[in-house]
């Protein structure tokens, strides 16, 4: 009888250990990781990666992350080109200079 109880507990603890290991593989992605994956997938027209990144965070968080990524990219390009962020943003969108 004690052998059966011990085996039951052993199976239970093995199951718990397996679930813990699986949860490490499925770590949560933050909104900046999702935004970077989403934008790069859009640039490469990779629909599978787009769908995956969309599922990582809420739509609001993804929108914020993409917006933050856009701001940082425009600022980095403006510094690199020694131009204003407005000039760079308009050029990236194909708009005439203001």
N, C-alpha and C. Protein backbone atom coordinates (compact mmCIF):
# COMPACT_ATOMS: atom_id res chain seq x y z
N UNK A 1 0.81 -1.19 0.00
CA UNK A 1 0.00 0.00 0.00
C UNK A 1 0.87 1.26 0.00
N UNK A 2 1.90 1.29 0.85
CA UNK A 2 2.77 2.45 0.87
C UNK A 2 3.50 2.63 -0.45
N UNK A 3 3.77 1.52 -1.11
CA UNK A 3 4.42 1.58 -2.41
C UNK A 3 3.55 2.30 -3.44
N UNK A 4 2.25 2.03 -3.42
CA UNK A 4 1.32 2.70 -4.35
C UNK A 4 1.24 4.19 -4.06
N UNK A 5 1.17 4.55 -2.79
CA UNK A 5 1.10 5.97 -2.41
C UNK A 5 2.39 6.67 -2.85
N UNK A 6 3.52 6.02 -2.62
CA UNK A 6 4.80 6.61 -3.02
C UNK A 6 4.86 6.81 -4.52
N UNK A 7 4.39 5.81 -5.30
CA UNK A 7 4.37 5.93 -6.76
C UNK A 7 3.45 7.05 -7.21
N UNK A 8 2.31 7.18 -6.55
CA UNK A 8 1.38 8.26 -6.90
C UNK A 8 2.02 9.62 -6.68
N UNK A 9 2.66 9.78 -5.50
CA UNK A 9 3.34 11.04 -5.23
C UNK A 9 4.48 11.28 -6.20
N UNK A 10 5.20 10.25 -6.54
CA UNK A 10 6.32 10.39 -7.48
C UNK A 10 5.81 10.86 -8.84
N UNK A 11 4.70 10.26 -9.30
CA UNK A 11 4.11 10.69 -10.58
C UNK A 11 3.64 12.14 -10.51
N UNK A 12 3.02 12.50 -9.38
CA UNK A 12 2.55 13.87 -9.21
C UNK A 12 3.72 14.85 -9.28
N UNK A 13 4.80 14.56 -8.54
CA UNK A 13 5.94 15.47 -8.54
C UNK A 13 6.64 15.51 -9.90
N UNK A 14 6.68 14.40 -10.60
CA UNK A 14 7.25 14.38 -11.95
C UNK A 14 6.41 15.25 -12.89
N UNK A 15 5.10 15.18 -12.75
CA UNK A 15 4.21 16.01 -13.56
C UNK A 15 4.44 17.48 -13.26
N UNK A 16 4.53 17.83 -12.00
CA UNK A 16 4.78 19.22 -11.62
C UNK A 16 6.11 19.72 -12.17
N UNK A 17 7.13 18.88 -12.10
CA UNK A 17 8.45 19.25 -12.60
C UNK A 17 8.39 19.47 -14.10
N UNK A 18 7.68 18.62 -14.83
CA UNK A 18 7.54 18.75 -16.29
C UNK A 18 6.80 20.03 -16.64
N UNK A 19 5.74 20.36 -15.90
CA UNK A 19 4.99 21.58 -16.17
C UNK A 19 5.85 22.81 -15.93
N UNK A 20 6.69 22.76 -14.89
CA UNK A 20 7.59 23.88 -14.62
C UNK A 20 8.59 24.04 -15.74
N UNK A 21 9.14 22.94 -16.25
CA UNK A 21 10.10 23.02 -17.35
C UNK A 21 9.43 23.58 -18.60
N UNK A 22 8.20 23.18 -18.89
CA UNK A 22 7.50 23.68 -20.06
C UNK A 22 7.20 25.16 -19.94
N UNK A 23 6.92 25.64 -18.74
CA UNK A 23 6.61 27.06 -18.57
C UNK A 23 7.84 27.92 -18.83
N UNK A 24 9.02 27.39 -18.59
CA UNK A 24 10.24 28.14 -18.90
C UNK A 24 10.40 28.33 -20.40
N UNK A 25 9.98 27.33 -21.19
CA UNK A 25 10.08 27.43 -22.64
C UNK A 25 9.10 28.47 -23.19
N UNK A 26 7.98 28.61 -22.53
CA UNK A 26 6.95 29.55 -22.99
C UNK A 26 7.01 30.83 -22.16
N UNK A 27 8.15 31.47 -22.13
CA UNK A 27 8.28 32.69 -21.33
C UNK A 27 7.47 33.81 -21.96
N UNK A 28 7.09 34.74 -21.15
CA UNK A 28 6.31 35.87 -21.64
C UNK A 28 7.22 36.83 -22.40
N UNK A 29 6.71 37.34 -23.48
CA UNK A 29 7.44 38.33 -24.26
C UNK A 29 7.01 39.72 -23.81
N UNK A 30 7.94 40.64 -23.78
CA UNK A 30 7.53 41.99 -23.43
C UNK A 30 7.09 42.74 -24.68
N UNK A 31 6.49 43.90 -24.50
CA UNK A 31 5.91 44.61 -25.64
C UNK A 31 6.96 45.08 -26.64
N UNK A 32 8.17 45.33 -26.19
CA UNK A 32 9.21 45.78 -27.12
C UNK A 32 9.71 44.62 -27.99
N UNK A 33 9.80 43.43 -27.41
CA UNK A 33 10.14 42.25 -28.22
C UNK A 33 9.05 42.00 -29.26
N UNK A 34 7.81 42.12 -28.84
CA UNK A 34 6.69 41.91 -29.76
C UNK A 34 6.71 42.95 -30.87
N UNK A 35 6.96 44.20 -30.51
CA UNK A 35 6.99 45.27 -31.52
C UNK A 35 8.12 45.06 -32.51
N UNK A 36 9.30 44.70 -32.01
CA UNK A 36 10.44 44.47 -32.90
C UNK A 36 10.17 43.30 -33.85
N UNK A 37 9.61 42.22 -33.30
CA UNK A 37 9.29 41.06 -34.15
C UNK A 37 8.21 41.42 -35.17
N UNK A 38 7.21 42.16 -34.74
CA UNK A 38 6.10 42.54 -35.62
C UNK A 38 6.57 43.44 -36.77
N UNK A 39 7.33 44.47 -36.43
CA UNK A 39 7.80 45.41 -37.45
C UNK A 39 8.75 44.74 -38.43
N UNK A 40 9.68 43.94 -37.91
CA UNK A 40 10.61 43.27 -38.82
C UNK A 40 9.88 42.26 -39.70
N UNK A 41 8.87 41.58 -39.15
CA UNK A 41 8.08 40.64 -39.95
C UNK A 41 7.28 41.37 -41.02
N UNK A 42 6.76 42.54 -40.69
CA UNK A 42 6.04 43.35 -41.69
C UNK A 42 6.98 43.79 -42.81
N UNK A 43 8.20 44.18 -42.42
CA UNK A 43 9.18 44.61 -43.43
C UNK A 43 9.56 43.47 -44.36
N UNK A 44 9.57 42.24 -43.83
CA UNK A 44 9.92 41.06 -44.63
C UNK A 44 8.70 40.37 -45.23
N UNK A 45 7.52 40.90 -44.95
CA UNK A 45 6.25 40.33 -45.42
C UNK A 45 6.11 38.86 -45.01
N UNK A 46 6.42 38.59 -43.73
CA UNK A 46 6.35 37.24 -43.17
C UNK A 46 5.09 37.11 -42.32
N UNK A 47 4.00 36.65 -42.92
CA UNK A 47 2.71 36.61 -42.25
C UNK A 47 2.72 35.68 -41.03
N UNK A 48 3.44 34.58 -41.09
CA UNK A 48 3.50 33.67 -39.94
C UNK A 48 4.12 34.36 -38.73
N UNK A 49 5.21 35.08 -38.95
CA UNK A 49 5.87 35.79 -37.84
C UNK A 49 5.00 36.95 -37.35
N UNK A 50 4.29 37.60 -38.24
CA UNK A 50 3.37 38.67 -37.84
C UNK A 50 2.30 38.10 -36.91
N UNK A 51 1.70 37.00 -37.31
CA UNK A 51 0.66 36.37 -36.50
C UNK A 51 1.19 35.95 -35.13
N UNK A 52 2.42 35.44 -35.11
CA UNK A 52 3.01 35.03 -33.83
C UNK A 52 3.23 36.23 -32.92
N UNK A 53 3.81 37.30 -33.45
CA UNK A 53 4.09 38.48 -32.65
C UNK A 53 2.81 39.13 -32.13
N UNK A 54 1.76 39.10 -32.93
CA UNK A 54 0.47 39.68 -32.52
C UNK A 54 -0.07 38.95 -31.29
N UNK A 55 0.21 37.68 -31.17
CA UNK A 55 -0.28 36.91 -30.04
C UNK A 55 0.52 37.07 -28.77
N UNK A 56 1.66 37.71 -28.81
CA UNK A 56 2.52 37.82 -27.64
C UNK A 56 2.00 38.81 -26.61
N UNK A 57 1.39 39.89 -27.04
CA UNK A 57 0.92 40.94 -26.13
C UNK A 57 -0.45 41.42 -26.60
N UNK A 58 -1.08 42.26 -25.82
CA UNK A 58 -2.38 42.80 -26.20
C UNK A 58 -2.22 43.75 -27.38
N UNK A 59 -3.29 43.98 -28.14
CA UNK A 59 -3.19 44.92 -29.27
C UNK A 59 -2.77 46.33 -28.84
N UNK A 60 -3.23 46.76 -27.68
CA UNK A 60 -2.85 48.09 -27.19
C UNK A 60 -1.36 48.16 -26.89
N UNK A 61 -0.85 47.12 -26.25
CA UNK A 61 0.58 47.09 -25.93
C UNK A 61 1.42 47.02 -27.20
N UNK A 62 0.97 46.24 -28.18
CA UNK A 62 1.69 46.15 -29.45
C UNK A 62 1.70 47.51 -30.15
N UNK A 63 0.58 48.18 -30.14
CA UNK A 63 0.49 49.50 -30.76
C UNK A 63 1.45 50.48 -30.09
N UNK A 64 1.49 50.46 -28.76
CA UNK A 64 2.42 51.33 -28.04
C UNK A 64 3.86 50.97 -28.38
N UNK A 65 4.17 49.69 -28.42
CA UNK A 65 5.53 49.25 -28.74
C UNK A 65 5.96 49.66 -30.13
N UNK A 66 5.06 49.52 -31.10
CA UNK A 66 5.38 49.91 -32.48
C UNK A 66 5.59 51.41 -32.56
N UNK A 67 4.76 52.17 -31.86
CA UNK A 67 4.91 53.62 -31.84
C UNK A 67 6.25 54.02 -31.22
N UNK A 68 6.60 53.39 -30.12
CA UNK A 68 7.88 53.69 -29.46
C UNK A 68 9.06 53.31 -30.36
N UNK A 69 8.95 52.18 -31.04
CA UNK A 69 9.99 51.76 -31.97
C UNK A 69 10.13 52.77 -33.11
N UNK A 70 9.02 53.25 -33.63
CA UNK A 70 9.07 54.24 -34.71
C UNK A 70 9.75 55.52 -34.24
N UNK A 71 9.40 55.99 -33.04
CA UNK A 71 10.02 57.20 -32.51
C UNK A 71 11.53 57.03 -32.37
N UNK A 72 11.92 55.89 -31.80
CA UNK A 72 13.36 55.65 -31.61
C UNK A 72 14.09 55.52 -32.93
N UNK A 73 13.46 54.90 -33.92
CA UNK A 73 14.10 54.74 -35.23
C UNK A 73 14.27 56.08 -35.92
N UNK A 74 13.24 56.92 -35.85
CA UNK A 74 13.32 58.24 -36.49
C UNK A 74 14.40 59.09 -35.81
N UNK A 75 14.46 59.03 -34.49
CA UNK A 75 15.49 59.79 -33.77
C UNK A 75 16.88 59.30 -34.14
N UNK A 76 17.06 57.99 -34.20
CA UNK A 76 18.38 57.43 -34.56
C UNK A 76 18.77 57.84 -35.98
N UNK A 77 17.83 57.74 -36.92
CA UNK A 77 18.14 58.15 -38.30
C UNK A 77 18.42 59.64 -38.40
N UNK A 78 17.67 60.43 -37.65
CA UNK A 78 17.89 61.89 -37.68
C UNK A 78 19.29 62.23 -37.17
N UNK A 79 19.70 61.57 -36.11
CA UNK A 79 21.06 61.82 -35.60
C UNK A 79 22.11 61.36 -36.60
N UNK A 80 21.87 60.20 -37.21
CA UNK A 80 22.82 59.66 -38.19
C UNK A 80 22.93 60.57 -39.41
N UNK A 81 21.82 61.11 -39.85
CA UNK A 81 21.80 61.96 -41.05
C UNK A 81 22.04 63.43 -40.73
N UNK A 82 22.09 63.78 -39.45
CA UNK A 82 22.22 65.16 -39.00
C UNK A 82 21.09 66.03 -39.57
N UNK A 83 19.88 65.50 -39.44
CA UNK A 83 18.66 66.19 -39.87
C UNK A 83 17.67 66.19 -38.72
N UNK A 84 16.60 66.95 -38.88
CA UNK A 84 15.58 66.97 -37.83
C UNK A 84 14.73 65.70 -37.92
N UNK A 85 14.16 65.26 -36.81
CA UNK A 85 13.27 64.09 -36.85
C UNK A 85 12.08 64.29 -37.79
N UNK A 86 11.56 65.51 -37.87
CA UNK A 86 10.43 65.78 -38.76
C UNK A 86 10.83 65.57 -40.23
N UNK A 87 12.01 66.03 -40.60
CA UNK A 87 12.49 65.86 -41.98
C UNK A 87 12.66 64.37 -42.30
N UNK A 88 13.23 63.63 -41.37
CA UNK A 88 13.44 62.19 -41.59
C UNK A 88 12.11 61.46 -41.68
N UNK A 89 11.18 61.76 -40.78
CA UNK A 89 9.88 61.09 -40.78
C UNK A 89 9.13 61.37 -42.08
N UNK A 90 9.15 62.59 -42.54
CA UNK A 90 8.46 62.93 -43.79
C UNK A 90 9.13 62.24 -44.98
N UNK A 91 10.46 62.15 -44.96
CA UNK A 91 11.17 61.48 -46.04
C UNK A 91 10.85 59.99 -46.06
N UNK A 92 10.78 59.36 -44.89
CA UNK A 92 10.47 57.94 -44.82
C UNK A 92 9.07 57.64 -45.35
N UNK A 93 8.17 58.59 -45.14
CA UNK A 93 6.79 58.40 -45.61
C UNK A 93 6.58 58.91 -47.03
N UNK A 94 7.62 59.44 -47.63
CA UNK A 94 7.52 59.93 -49.00
C UNK A 94 6.76 61.24 -49.12
N UNK A 95 6.74 62.01 -48.04
CA UNK A 95 6.04 63.30 -48.05
C UNK A 95 7.02 64.41 -48.42
N UNK A 96 6.53 65.47 -49.02
CA UNK A 96 7.42 66.60 -49.35
C UNK A 96 7.90 67.28 -48.07
N UNK A 97 9.06 67.91 -48.15
CA UNK A 97 9.61 68.62 -47.00
C UNK A 97 8.66 69.73 -46.58
N UNK A 98 8.57 69.94 -45.28
CA UNK A 98 7.64 70.96 -44.75
C UNK A 98 8.24 72.34 -44.86
